[in-house]
């Protein structure tokens, strides 16, 4: 989990406001993830599983409970959280998971993404990662993901990260289950550059501070 504090807003989209998730009510996260579809099934827990835990064995209600604890939603005085929440004209519309890369246990254990061909310390807490960019159904193509990616860069930098990574999809032919990783264009607009291609469909992008 990550320290919170004053949020620097991205000026490009004046109607979109981004807040650390602990400063958002839990009901706003529930509205973003919805009751159906990928978000309602995952609750951003795929990279948070403990060793030997099965994703399918954890009910959606339990995944939601875990996310609520990780974000510390509804507690603006909290010193930790695990992501950002975006609002479009005061309506909760987007979520970004961003925290130290080492906090994603599942990611650390993955062989190819993001580790293949790289000499990286998997325990280094100064390298942060964006593992999920999720925009609420019906609110997409309005700049929410780009604003969240730009805000994640600022959020990580202001909290002492020396670098931020993301692992977007390489193709425009994206199925719903892959939307959460973002696109190359989204992260490029936030200043990240490609550093490797561990699989035909995934890119490692990074910005060093």
N, C-alpha and C. Protein backbone atom coordinates (compact mmCIF):
# COMPACT_ATOMS: atom_id res chain seq x y z
N UNK A 1 0.84 -1.19 0.00
CA UNK A 1 0.00 0.00 0.00
C UNK A 1 0.88 1.24 0.00
N UNK A 2 0.33 2.38 -0.40
CA UNK A 2 1.17 3.53 -0.69
C UNK A 2 0.73 4.76 0.08
N UNK A 3 1.70 5.66 0.33
CA UNK A 3 1.36 6.87 1.07
C UNK A 3 0.51 7.80 0.24
N UNK A 4 -0.35 8.52 0.92
CA UNK A 4 -1.20 9.48 0.24
C UNK A 4 -0.81 10.88 0.68
N UNK A 5 -1.42 11.84 0.07
CA UNK A 5 -1.13 13.22 0.42
C UNK A 5 -1.83 14.13 -0.55
N UNK A 6 -1.29 15.30 -0.74
CA UNK A 6 -1.88 16.25 -1.68
C UNK A 6 -1.77 15.71 -3.10
N UNK A 7 -2.87 15.76 -3.84
CA UNK A 7 -2.89 15.24 -5.21
C UNK A 7 -2.72 16.38 -6.18
N UNK A 8 -1.77 16.26 -7.11
CA UNK A 8 -1.60 17.23 -8.17
C UNK A 8 -2.46 16.82 -9.34
N UNK A 9 -3.41 17.63 -9.72
CA UNK A 9 -4.35 17.28 -10.77
C UNK A 9 -3.76 17.55 -12.15
N UNK A 10 -4.19 16.78 -13.11
CA UNK A 10 -3.74 16.94 -14.48
C UNK A 10 -4.59 18.01 -15.15
N UNK A 11 -3.98 19.04 -15.75
CA UNK A 11 -4.74 20.18 -16.27
C UNK A 11 -5.39 19.93 -17.62
N UNK A 12 -5.01 18.83 -18.34
CA UNK A 12 -5.46 18.66 -19.71
C UNK A 12 -6.96 18.44 -19.84
N UNK A 13 -7.57 17.84 -18.82
CA UNK A 13 -8.99 17.52 -18.88
C UNK A 13 -9.69 18.18 -17.70
N UNK A 14 -10.12 19.44 -17.84
CA UNK A 14 -10.65 20.18 -16.69
C UNK A 14 -11.87 19.55 -16.06
N UNK A 15 -12.61 18.74 -16.81
CA UNK A 15 -13.81 18.12 -16.25
C UNK A 15 -13.48 16.85 -15.49
N UNK A 16 -12.24 16.37 -15.59
CA UNK A 16 -11.85 15.13 -14.94
C UNK A 16 -10.99 15.46 -13.72
N UNK A 17 -11.44 15.01 -12.56
CA UNK A 17 -10.72 15.20 -11.32
C UNK A 17 -10.24 13.84 -10.83
N UNK A 18 -9.00 13.78 -10.35
CA UNK A 18 -8.43 12.52 -9.86
C UNK A 18 -8.07 12.67 -8.39
N UNK A 19 -8.47 11.67 -7.60
CA UNK A 19 -8.19 11.69 -6.17
C UNK A 19 -7.54 10.38 -5.74
N UNK A 20 -6.67 10.41 -4.72
CA UNK A 20 -6.23 9.15 -4.11
C UNK A 20 -7.46 8.39 -3.61
N UNK A 21 -7.43 7.08 -3.76
CA UNK A 21 -8.63 6.29 -3.49
C UNK A 21 -9.09 6.36 -2.04
N UNK A 22 -8.18 6.61 -1.10
CA UNK A 22 -8.62 6.69 0.28
C UNK A 22 -9.49 7.93 0.52
N UNK A 23 -9.43 8.90 -0.40
CA UNK A 23 -10.25 10.10 -0.28
C UNK A 23 -11.59 9.96 -1.00
N UNK A 24 -11.85 8.78 -1.53
CA UNK A 24 -13.12 8.51 -2.22
C UNK A 24 -13.98 7.59 -1.37
N UNK A 25 -15.29 7.77 -1.39
CA UNK A 25 -16.17 6.83 -0.68
C UNK A 25 -16.12 5.47 -1.36
N UNK A 26 -16.28 4.42 -0.59
CA UNK A 26 -16.30 3.07 -1.14
C UNK A 26 -17.42 2.92 -2.17
N UNK A 27 -18.51 3.60 -1.98
CA UNK A 27 -19.62 3.52 -2.93
C UNK A 27 -19.20 3.99 -4.33
N UNK A 28 -18.23 4.90 -4.40
CA UNK A 28 -17.76 5.37 -5.70
C UNK A 28 -16.99 4.26 -6.43
N UNK A 29 -16.18 3.51 -5.70
CA UNK A 29 -15.49 2.37 -6.32
C UNK A 29 -16.49 1.31 -6.77
N UNK A 30 -17.51 1.07 -5.97
CA UNK A 30 -18.54 0.11 -6.36
C UNK A 30 -19.24 0.53 -7.64
N UNK A 31 -19.50 1.83 -7.77
CA UNK A 31 -20.15 2.32 -8.98
C UNK A 31 -19.26 2.14 -10.20
N UNK A 32 -17.95 2.33 -10.04
CA UNK A 32 -17.03 2.19 -11.16
C UNK A 32 -16.93 0.75 -11.61
N UNK A 33 -16.76 -0.17 -10.69
CA UNK A 33 -16.60 -1.58 -11.05
C UNK A 33 -17.91 -2.24 -11.46
N UNK A 34 -19.02 -1.72 -10.97
CA UNK A 34 -20.32 -2.21 -11.40
C UNK A 34 -20.71 -3.55 -10.84
N UNK A 35 -21.77 -4.10 -11.39
CA UNK A 35 -22.31 -5.38 -10.92
C UNK A 35 -22.09 -6.52 -11.91
N UNK A 36 -21.67 -6.18 -13.13
CA UNK A 36 -21.44 -7.19 -14.15
C UNK A 36 -20.14 -6.88 -14.89
N UNK A 37 -19.65 -7.87 -15.63
CA UNK A 37 -18.48 -7.64 -16.45
C UNK A 37 -17.17 -7.92 -15.72
N UNK A 38 -16.08 -7.60 -16.40
CA UNK A 38 -14.74 -7.92 -15.89
C UNK A 38 -14.44 -7.25 -14.56
N UNK A 39 -14.78 -5.97 -14.44
CA UNK A 39 -14.49 -5.25 -13.21
C UNK A 39 -15.16 -5.86 -12.00
N UNK A 40 -16.41 -6.23 -12.14
CA UNK A 40 -17.17 -6.80 -11.03
C UNK A 40 -16.68 -8.19 -10.66
N UNK A 41 -16.01 -8.86 -11.61
CA UNK A 41 -15.45 -10.18 -11.31
C UNK A 41 -14.08 -10.08 -10.66
N UNK A 42 -13.28 -9.13 -11.11
CA UNK A 42 -11.88 -9.08 -10.69
C UNK A 42 -11.64 -8.25 -9.44
N UNK A 43 -12.21 -7.05 -9.39
CA UNK A 43 -11.96 -6.11 -8.29
C UNK A 43 -10.46 -5.88 -8.10
N UNK A 44 -9.73 -5.92 -9.20
CA UNK A 44 -8.30 -5.58 -9.22
C UNK A 44 -7.48 -6.46 -8.27
N UNK A 45 -7.79 -7.74 -8.24
CA UNK A 45 -7.10 -8.64 -7.33
C UNK A 45 -6.21 -9.67 -8.01
N UNK A 46 -6.15 -9.68 -9.35
CA UNK A 46 -5.40 -10.73 -10.03
C UNK A 46 -3.92 -10.72 -9.63
N UNK A 47 -3.34 -9.55 -9.47
CA UNK A 47 -1.92 -9.48 -9.09
C UNK A 47 -1.72 -9.41 -7.58
N UNK A 48 -2.81 -9.53 -6.83
CA UNK A 48 -2.73 -9.44 -5.37
C UNK A 48 -2.87 -10.81 -4.69
N UNK A 49 -3.01 -11.86 -5.46
CA UNK A 49 -3.18 -13.17 -4.87
C UNK A 49 -1.91 -13.61 -4.14
N UNK A 50 -2.12 -14.29 -3.01
CA UNK A 50 -1.00 -14.86 -2.27
C UNK A 50 -0.55 -16.16 -2.94
N UNK A 51 0.66 -16.61 -2.66
CA UNK A 51 1.10 -17.89 -3.22
C UNK A 51 0.10 -19.01 -2.92
N UNK A 52 -0.17 -19.81 -3.94
CA UNK A 52 -1.08 -20.96 -3.87
C UNK A 52 -2.55 -20.56 -3.83
N UNK A 53 -2.86 -19.27 -3.83
CA UNK A 53 -4.25 -18.86 -3.92
C UNK A 53 -4.74 -18.99 -5.35
N UNK A 54 -5.97 -19.44 -5.50
CA UNK A 54 -6.59 -19.56 -6.82
C UNK A 54 -7.57 -18.42 -6.99
N UNK A 55 -7.45 -17.71 -8.12
CA UNK A 55 -8.36 -16.60 -8.38
C UNK A 55 -9.81 -17.08 -8.40
N UNK A 56 -10.04 -18.22 -9.03
CA UNK A 56 -11.40 -18.74 -9.15
C UNK A 56 -11.99 -19.15 -7.81
N UNK A 57 -11.14 -19.44 -6.84
CA UNK A 57 -11.63 -19.91 -5.55
C UNK A 57 -12.03 -18.77 -4.61
N UNK A 58 -11.75 -17.54 -5.01
CA UNK A 58 -12.07 -16.39 -4.15
C UNK A 58 -13.33 -15.72 -4.68
N UNK A 59 -14.42 -15.74 -3.93
CA UNK A 59 -15.66 -15.12 -4.40
C UNK A 59 -15.48 -13.64 -4.68
N UNK A 60 -16.27 -13.13 -5.60
CA UNK A 60 -16.18 -11.71 -5.96
C UNK A 60 -16.37 -10.81 -4.75
N UNK A 61 -17.23 -11.22 -3.83
CA UNK A 61 -17.46 -10.41 -2.63
C UNK A 61 -16.19 -10.29 -1.81
N UNK A 62 -15.42 -11.37 -1.73
CA UNK A 62 -14.17 -11.33 -0.98
C UNK A 62 -13.13 -10.46 -1.70
N UNK A 63 -13.11 -10.52 -3.04
CA UNK A 63 -12.18 -9.68 -3.78
C UNK A 63 -12.50 -8.21 -3.56
N UNK A 64 -13.80 -7.89 -3.57
CA UNK A 64 -14.21 -6.51 -3.32
C UNK A 64 -13.78 -6.06 -1.92
N UNK A 65 -13.94 -6.93 -0.95
CA UNK A 65 -13.54 -6.60 0.42
C UNK A 65 -12.04 -6.33 0.50
N UNK A 66 -11.27 -7.12 -0.21
CA UNK A 66 -9.82 -6.91 -0.23
C UNK A 66 -9.47 -5.56 -0.83
N UNK A 67 -10.12 -5.21 -1.93
CA UNK A 67 -9.84 -3.92 -2.55
C UNK A 67 -10.20 -2.79 -1.60
N UNK A 68 -11.30 -2.93 -0.91
CA UNK A 68 -11.71 -1.88 0.04
C UNK A 68 -10.64 -1.68 1.11
N UNK A 69 -10.07 -2.78 1.60
CA UNK A 69 -9.03 -2.66 2.61
C UNK A 69 -7.75 -2.07 2.01
N UNK A 70 -7.40 -2.48 0.81
CA UNK A 70 -6.18 -1.99 0.16
C UNK A 70 -6.24 -0.50 -0.14
N UNK A 71 -7.40 -0.02 -0.56
CA UNK A 71 -7.54 1.40 -0.88
C UNK A 71 -7.77 2.26 0.34
N UNK A 72 -8.31 1.66 1.40
CA UNK A 72 -8.71 2.41 2.60
C UNK A 72 -9.70 3.51 2.22
N UNK A 73 -10.61 3.18 1.33
CA UNK A 73 -11.62 4.14 0.87
C UNK A 73 -12.38 4.74 2.04
N UNK A 74 -12.71 6.01 1.89
CA UNK A 74 -13.51 6.68 2.90
C UNK A 74 -12.73 7.16 4.10
N UNK A 75 -11.39 7.08 4.05
CA UNK A 75 -10.56 7.51 5.16
C UNK A 75 -9.52 8.52 4.66
N UNK A 76 -9.92 9.76 4.46
CA UNK A 76 -8.99 10.76 3.90
C UNK A 76 -7.78 11.02 4.78
N UNK A 77 -7.86 10.67 6.04
CA UNK A 77 -6.72 10.87 6.93
C UNK A 77 -5.70 9.74 6.83
N UNK A 78 -6.02 8.69 6.10
CA UNK A 78 -5.13 7.54 5.98
C UNK A 78 -3.82 7.91 5.30
N UNK A 79 -2.76 7.22 5.67
CA UNK A 79 -1.45 7.46 5.06
C UNK A 79 -1.14 6.44 3.97
N UNK A 80 -2.07 5.55 3.67
CA UNK A 80 -1.83 4.54 2.64
C UNK A 80 -3.06 4.38 1.75
N UNK A 81 -2.81 3.97 0.52
CA UNK A 81 -3.87 3.58 -0.39
C UNK A 81 -3.23 2.79 -1.52
N UNK A 82 -4.02 2.30 -2.46
CA UNK A 82 -3.45 1.48 -3.53
C UNK A 82 -3.83 1.96 -4.92
N UNK A 83 -4.38 3.17 -5.03
CA UNK A 83 -4.72 3.62 -6.36
C UNK A 83 -5.39 4.98 -6.39
N UNK A 84 -5.94 5.30 -7.55
CA UNK A 84 -6.55 6.60 -7.83
C UNK A 84 -7.95 6.41 -8.37
N UNK A 85 -8.81 7.39 -8.10
CA UNK A 85 -10.18 7.38 -8.59
C UNK A 85 -10.40 8.65 -9.42
N UNK A 86 -11.03 8.47 -10.59
CA UNK A 86 -11.30 9.61 -11.48
C UNK A 86 -12.79 9.94 -11.47
N UNK A 87 -13.06 11.25 -11.56
CA UNK A 87 -14.44 11.76 -11.60
C UNK A 87 -14.61 12.61 -12.84
N UNK A 88 -15.68 12.40 -13.55
CA UNK A 88 -16.04 13.19 -14.71
C UNK A 88 -17.30 13.96 -14.37
N UNK A 89 -17.18 15.28 -14.28
CA UNK A 89 -18.31 16.10 -13.85
C UNK A 89 -18.92 15.57 -12.56
N UNK A 90 -18.07 15.25 -11.61
CA UNK A 90 -18.44 14.79 -10.27
C UNK A 90 -18.95 13.35 -10.22
N UNK A 91 -19.00 12.66 -11.32
CA UNK A 91 -19.44 11.27 -11.34
C UNK A 91 -18.22 10.34 -11.31
N UNK A 92 -18.18 9.34 -10.41
CA UNK A 92 -17.05 8.41 -10.39
C UNK A 92 -17.02 7.56 -11.66
N UNK A 93 -15.90 7.62 -12.39
CA UNK A 93 -15.87 6.95 -13.70
C UNK A 93 -14.63 6.09 -13.93
N UNK A 94 -13.57 6.22 -13.13
CA UNK A 94 -12.36 5.49 -13.46
C UNK A 94 -11.51 5.13 -12.26
N UNK A 95 -10.75 4.06 -12.43
CA UNK A 95 -9.87 3.53 -11.38
C UNK A 95 -8.49 3.25 -11.97
N UNK A 96 -7.45 3.54 -11.22
CA UNK A 96 -6.08 3.23 -11.60
C UNK A 96 -5.37 2.59 -10.41
N UNK A 97 -4.87 1.38 -10.59
CA UNK A 97 -4.07 0.72 -9.56
C UNK A 97 -2.62 1.16 -9.73
N UNK A 98 -2.06 1.83 -8.74
CA UNK A 98 -0.67 2.30 -8.82
C UNK A 98 -0.06 2.28 -7.42
N UNK A 99 1.02 1.55 -7.30
CA UNK A 99 1.76 1.46 -6.05
C UNK A 99 3.10 0.78 -6.33
N UNK A 100 3.96 0.63 -5.33
CA UNK A 100 5.25 -0.02 -5.59
C UNK A 100 5.08 -1.37 -6.28
N UNK A 101 5.90 -1.62 -7.27
CA UNK A 101 5.81 -2.84 -8.06
C UNK A 101 5.89 -4.09 -7.18
N UNK A 102 6.69 -4.04 -6.14
CA UNK A 102 6.87 -5.20 -5.27
C UNK A 102 5.63 -5.55 -4.47
N UNK A 103 4.66 -4.64 -4.41
CA UNK A 103 3.42 -4.91 -3.67
C UNK A 103 2.47 -5.81 -4.43
N UNK A 104 2.74 -6.02 -5.71
CA UNK A 104 1.91 -6.92 -6.50
C UNK A 104 2.52 -8.31 -6.49
N UNK A 105 2.12 -9.11 -5.49
CA UNK A 105 2.72 -10.43 -5.33
C UNK A 105 2.63 -11.29 -6.56
N UNK A 106 1.48 -11.25 -7.22
CA UNK A 106 1.31 -12.05 -8.43
C UNK A 106 2.22 -11.58 -9.54
N UNK A 107 2.41 -10.30 -9.66
CA UNK A 107 3.29 -9.75 -10.69
C UNK A 107 4.73 -10.16 -10.43
N UNK A 108 5.13 -10.13 -9.19
CA UNK A 108 6.50 -10.51 -8.84
C UNK A 108 6.78 -11.96 -9.22
N UNK A 109 5.76 -12.81 -9.11
CA UNK A 109 5.95 -14.23 -9.39
C UNK A 109 5.82 -14.58 -10.87
N UNK A 110 5.34 -13.65 -11.70
CA UNK A 110 5.20 -13.93 -13.13
C UNK A 110 6.58 -13.99 -13.77
N UNK A 111 6.79 -14.94 -14.67
CA UNK A 111 8.11 -15.11 -15.27
C UNK A 111 8.38 -14.14 -16.40
N UNK A 112 7.42 -13.95 -17.30
CA UNK A 112 7.71 -13.21 -18.52
C UNK A 112 7.41 -11.72 -18.42
N UNK A 113 6.24 -11.37 -17.92
CA UNK A 113 5.88 -9.95 -17.83
C UNK A 113 5.91 -9.56 -16.35
N UNK A 114 6.76 -8.62 -15.97
CA UNK A 114 7.59 -7.76 -16.81
C UNK A 114 9.07 -8.13 -16.82
N UNK A 115 9.42 -9.35 -16.41
CA UNK A 115 10.81 -9.63 -16.06
C UNK A 115 11.69 -10.15 -17.19
N UNK A 116 11.13 -10.78 -18.18
CA UNK A 116 11.95 -11.44 -19.19
C UNK A 116 12.92 -10.47 -19.87
N UNK A 117 14.19 -10.87 -19.93
CA UNK A 117 15.20 -10.07 -20.60
C UNK A 117 15.64 -8.85 -19.83
N UNK A 118 15.28 -8.74 -18.56
CA UNK A 118 15.64 -7.57 -17.76
C UNK A 118 16.30 -8.01 -16.46
N UNK A 119 17.24 -7.22 -16.00
CA UNK A 119 17.91 -7.47 -14.73
C UNK A 119 17.34 -6.51 -13.71
N UNK A 120 16.25 -6.92 -13.06
CA UNK A 120 15.52 -6.05 -12.15
C UNK A 120 15.43 -6.67 -10.76
N UNK A 121 15.57 -5.84 -9.75
CA UNK A 121 15.37 -6.26 -8.37
C UNK A 121 13.88 -6.28 -8.08
N UNK A 122 13.31 -7.46 -7.95
CA UNK A 122 11.87 -7.56 -7.76
C UNK A 122 11.39 -7.04 -6.41
N UNK A 123 12.30 -6.80 -5.49
CA UNK A 123 11.92 -6.29 -4.16
C UNK A 123 12.06 -4.78 -4.04
N UNK A 124 12.50 -4.12 -5.09
CA UNK A 124 12.77 -2.68 -5.06
C UNK A 124 11.47 -1.89 -4.97
N UNK A 125 11.22 -1.25 -3.83
CA UNK A 125 9.99 -0.51 -3.62
C UNK A 125 10.02 0.89 -4.23
N UNK A 126 11.14 1.29 -4.79
CA UNK A 126 11.20 2.61 -5.42
C UNK A 126 10.75 2.57 -6.88
N UNK A 127 10.56 1.39 -7.41
CA UNK A 127 9.97 1.25 -8.75
C UNK A 127 8.49 0.94 -8.57
N UNK A 128 7.66 1.81 -9.08
CA UNK A 128 6.22 1.65 -8.97
C UNK A 128 5.64 1.11 -10.27
N UNK A 129 4.39 0.66 -10.21
CA UNK A 129 3.77 0.08 -11.40
C UNK A 129 2.28 0.42 -11.45
N UNK A 130 1.81 0.62 -12.66
CA UNK A 130 0.38 0.70 -12.94
C UNK A 130 -0.04 -0.64 -13.52
N UNK A 131 -0.90 -1.34 -12.82
CA UNK A 131 -1.34 -2.65 -13.30
C UNK A 131 -2.77 -2.65 -13.82
N UNK A 132 -3.50 -1.58 -13.57
CA UNK A 132 -4.90 -1.54 -14.01
C UNK A 132 -5.33 -0.11 -14.29
N UNK A 133 -5.94 0.09 -15.46
CA UNK A 133 -6.64 1.33 -15.80
C UNK A 133 -8.04 0.91 -16.21
N UNK A 134 -9.01 1.26 -15.40
CA UNK A 134 -10.37 0.77 -15.66
C UNK A 134 -11.33 1.95 -15.70
N UNK A 135 -12.04 2.07 -16.82
CA UNK A 135 -13.05 3.12 -16.97
C UNK A 135 -14.43 2.48 -16.99
N UNK A 136 -15.32 3.09 -16.28
CA UNK A 136 -16.69 2.60 -16.16
C UNK A 136 -17.38 2.48 -17.52
N UNK A 137 -18.13 1.41 -17.69
CA UNK A 137 -18.85 1.20 -18.95
C UNK A 137 -19.74 2.39 -19.25
N UNK A 138 -19.73 2.82 -20.50
CA UNK A 138 -20.52 3.95 -20.93
C UNK A 138 -19.82 5.29 -20.76
N UNK A 139 -18.61 5.28 -20.16
CA UNK A 139 -17.87 6.54 -19.94
C UNK A 139 -16.51 6.51 -20.63
N UNK A 140 -16.32 5.56 -21.53
CA UNK A 140 -15.02 5.41 -22.18
C UNK A 140 -14.88 6.38 -23.35
N UNK A 141 -13.65 6.52 -23.83
CA UNK A 141 -13.31 7.41 -24.94
C UNK A 141 -13.58 8.89 -24.60
N UNK A 142 -13.39 9.23 -23.34
CA UNK A 142 -13.54 10.62 -22.92
C UNK A 142 -12.28 11.15 -22.25
N UNK A 143 -11.19 10.43 -22.39
CA UNK A 143 -9.92 10.88 -21.82
C UNK A 143 -9.68 10.44 -20.39
N UNK A 144 -10.52 9.56 -19.86
CA UNK A 144 -10.37 9.16 -18.46
C UNK A 144 -9.08 8.38 -18.25
N UNK A 145 -8.81 7.39 -19.10
CA UNK A 145 -7.61 6.57 -18.93
C UNK A 145 -6.34 7.40 -19.06
N UNK A 146 -6.31 8.31 -20.04
CA UNK A 146 -5.13 9.14 -20.22
C UNK A 146 -4.90 10.05 -19.02
N UNK A 147 -5.97 10.59 -18.48
CA UNK A 147 -5.83 11.45 -17.31
C UNK A 147 -5.35 10.65 -16.11
N UNK A 148 -5.87 9.45 -15.95
CA UNK A 148 -5.42 8.60 -14.84
C UNK A 148 -3.95 8.23 -14.99
N UNK A 149 -3.51 7.89 -16.21
CA UNK A 149 -2.10 7.54 -16.42
C UNK A 149 -1.19 8.72 -16.10
N UNK A 150 -1.57 9.92 -16.55
CA UNK A 150 -0.78 11.11 -16.26
C UNK A 150 -0.76 11.38 -14.76
N UNK A 151 -1.88 11.21 -14.11
CA UNK A 151 -1.95 11.43 -12.67
C UNK A 151 -1.13 10.40 -11.90
N UNK A 152 -1.07 9.16 -12.41
CA UNK A 152 -0.27 8.12 -11.77
C UNK A 152 1.20 8.49 -11.79
N UNK A 153 1.66 9.08 -12.87
CA UNK A 153 3.05 9.53 -12.96
C UNK A 153 3.34 10.56 -11.86
N UNK A 154 2.48 11.54 -11.75
CA UNK A 154 2.65 12.57 -10.72
C UNK A 154 2.57 11.98 -9.33
N UNK A 155 1.59 11.11 -9.12
CA UNK A 155 1.36 10.50 -7.82
C UNK A 155 2.58 9.72 -7.36
N UNK A 156 3.14 8.90 -8.25
CA UNK A 156 4.31 8.10 -7.89
C UNK A 156 5.52 8.98 -7.63
N UNK A 157 5.76 9.94 -8.51
CA UNK A 157 6.92 10.81 -8.37
C UNK A 157 6.87 11.59 -7.06
N UNK A 158 5.72 12.14 -6.72
CA UNK A 158 5.60 12.95 -5.51
C UNK A 158 5.77 12.12 -4.25
N UNK A 159 5.63 10.81 -4.36
CA UNK A 159 5.75 9.94 -3.20
C UNK A 159 7.06 9.15 -3.18
N UNK A 160 8.03 9.64 -3.92
CA UNK A 160 9.38 9.13 -3.79
C UNK A 160 9.78 8.03 -4.75
N UNK A 161 8.92 7.68 -5.71
CA UNK A 161 9.31 6.66 -6.68
C UNK A 161 10.45 7.17 -7.55
N UNK A 162 11.35 6.28 -7.93
CA UNK A 162 12.41 6.68 -8.87
C UNK A 162 12.05 6.28 -10.30
N UNK A 163 10.99 5.48 -10.44
CA UNK A 163 10.52 5.08 -11.77
C UNK A 163 9.10 4.56 -11.66
N UNK A 164 8.38 4.60 -12.78
CA UNK A 164 7.03 4.04 -12.87
C UNK A 164 6.95 3.20 -14.13
N UNK A 165 6.37 2.01 -14.00
CA UNK A 165 6.22 1.11 -15.14
C UNK A 165 4.75 0.81 -15.41
N UNK A 166 4.48 0.36 -16.64
CA UNK A 166 3.16 -0.12 -17.04
C UNK A 166 3.37 -1.22 -18.06
N UNK A 167 2.33 -2.03 -18.27
CA UNK A 167 2.47 -3.22 -19.10
C UNK A 167 1.29 -3.35 -20.07
N UNK A 168 1.19 -2.40 -21.00
CA UNK A 168 0.01 -2.34 -21.87
C UNK A 168 0.00 -3.42 -22.95
N UNK A 169 -1.16 -3.52 -23.57
CA UNK A 169 -1.37 -4.45 -24.68
C UNK A 169 -0.79 -3.84 -25.95
N UNK A 170 -0.36 -4.68 -26.89
CA UNK A 170 0.31 -4.18 -28.08
C UNK A 170 -0.61 -3.99 -29.27
N UNK A 171 -1.83 -4.49 -29.20
CA UNK A 171 -2.71 -4.49 -30.37
C UNK A 171 -3.96 -3.67 -30.11
N UNK A 172 -4.54 -3.15 -31.17
CA UNK A 172 -5.81 -2.45 -31.04
C UNK A 172 -6.98 -3.42 -30.98
N UNK A 173 -6.74 -4.68 -31.30
CA UNK A 173 -7.79 -5.69 -31.23
C UNK A 173 -7.84 -6.25 -29.82
N UNK A 174 -8.39 -5.47 -28.92
CA UNK A 174 -8.38 -5.79 -27.50
C UNK A 174 -9.73 -6.35 -27.07
N UNK A 175 -9.71 -7.49 -26.41
CA UNK A 175 -10.94 -8.03 -25.85
C UNK A 175 -11.18 -7.41 -24.48
N UNK A 176 -12.41 -7.53 -24.00
CA UNK A 176 -12.79 -6.84 -22.76
C UNK A 176 -11.87 -7.20 -21.60
N UNK A 177 -11.47 -8.47 -21.50
CA UNK A 177 -10.65 -8.92 -20.39
C UNK A 177 -9.27 -8.28 -20.38
N UNK A 178 -8.86 -7.66 -21.49
CA UNK A 178 -7.54 -7.05 -21.57
C UNK A 178 -7.57 -5.53 -21.43
N UNK A 179 -8.74 -4.95 -21.37
CA UNK A 179 -8.83 -3.50 -21.32
C UNK A 179 -8.12 -2.90 -20.12
N UNK A 180 -8.07 -3.64 -19.02
CA UNK A 180 -7.54 -3.08 -17.78
C UNK A 180 -6.05 -2.75 -17.84
N UNK A 181 -5.29 -3.31 -18.78
CA UNK A 181 -3.85 -3.06 -18.80
C UNK A 181 -3.50 -1.77 -19.53
N UNK A 182 -4.44 -1.16 -20.22
CA UNK A 182 -4.18 0.07 -20.94
C UNK A 182 -3.53 -0.17 -22.29
N UNK A 183 -3.30 0.92 -23.01
CA UNK A 183 -2.71 0.84 -24.34
C UNK A 183 -1.38 1.57 -24.38
N UNK A 184 -0.59 1.27 -25.40
CA UNK A 184 0.70 1.94 -25.56
C UNK A 184 0.51 3.45 -25.69
N UNK A 185 -0.47 3.87 -26.48
CA UNK A 185 -0.70 5.30 -26.69
C UNK A 185 -1.05 6.02 -25.39
N UNK A 186 -1.82 5.36 -24.54
CA UNK A 186 -2.22 5.97 -23.27
C UNK A 186 -1.01 6.29 -22.42
N UNK A 187 -0.10 5.33 -22.30
CA UNK A 187 1.07 5.55 -21.44
C UNK A 187 2.13 6.41 -22.12
N UNK A 188 2.22 6.34 -23.44
CA UNK A 188 3.15 7.22 -24.14
C UNK A 188 2.77 8.67 -23.93
N UNK A 189 1.48 8.96 -23.91
CA UNK A 189 1.02 10.32 -23.68
C UNK A 189 1.37 10.82 -22.28
N UNK A 190 1.60 9.87 -21.36
CA UNK A 190 1.98 10.23 -19.99
C UNK A 190 3.49 10.27 -19.81
N UNK A 191 4.25 10.04 -20.89
CA UNK A 191 5.69 10.16 -20.83
C UNK A 191 6.45 8.86 -20.68
N UNK A 192 5.76 7.71 -20.66
CA UNK A 192 6.44 6.43 -20.56
C UNK A 192 6.96 6.01 -21.94
N UNK A 193 8.07 5.29 -21.95
CA UNK A 193 8.64 4.80 -23.21
C UNK A 193 8.82 3.29 -23.12
N UNK A 194 8.80 2.65 -24.26
CA UNK A 194 8.95 1.20 -24.32
C UNK A 194 10.38 0.79 -23.95
N UNK A 195 10.49 -0.23 -23.09
CA UNK A 195 11.81 -0.76 -22.72
C UNK A 195 11.98 -2.22 -23.10
N UNK A 196 10.87 -2.95 -23.29
CA UNK A 196 10.99 -4.35 -23.72
C UNK A 196 9.63 -4.86 -24.18
N UNK A 197 9.67 -6.00 -24.90
CA UNK A 197 8.46 -6.69 -25.34
C UNK A 197 8.58 -8.16 -24.94
N UNK A 198 8.18 -8.49 -23.71
CA UNK A 198 8.36 -9.86 -23.23
C UNK A 198 7.46 -10.88 -23.91
N UNK A 199 6.34 -10.45 -24.48
CA UNK A 199 5.45 -11.35 -25.21
C UNK A 199 4.97 -10.63 -26.46
N UNK A 200 4.41 -11.35 -27.41
CA UNK A 200 3.92 -10.70 -28.63
C UNK A 200 2.82 -9.67 -28.37
N UNK A 201 2.13 -9.77 -27.24
CA UNK A 201 0.99 -8.88 -26.99
C UNK A 201 1.20 -7.90 -25.84
N UNK A 202 2.34 -7.96 -25.17
CA UNK A 202 2.55 -7.09 -24.03
C UNK A 202 3.86 -6.34 -24.12
N UNK A 203 3.83 -5.08 -23.71
CA UNK A 203 4.99 -4.20 -23.73
C UNK A 203 5.28 -3.73 -22.30
N UNK A 204 6.55 -3.60 -21.96
CA UNK A 204 6.93 -2.94 -20.72
C UNK A 204 7.28 -1.50 -21.06
N UNK A 205 6.60 -0.57 -20.43
CA UNK A 205 6.88 0.86 -20.61
C UNK A 205 7.29 1.44 -19.27
N UNK A 206 8.10 2.50 -19.35
CA UNK A 206 8.69 3.01 -18.09
C UNK A 206 9.04 4.49 -18.24
N UNK A 207 8.96 5.18 -17.10
CA UNK A 207 9.46 6.54 -16.99
C UNK A 207 10.33 6.60 -15.75
N UNK A 208 11.54 7.14 -15.88
CA UNK A 208 12.44 7.30 -14.75
C UNK A 208 12.43 8.76 -14.30
N UNK A 209 12.42 8.97 -13.01
CA UNK A 209 12.34 10.32 -12.44
C UNK A 209 13.73 10.82 -12.01
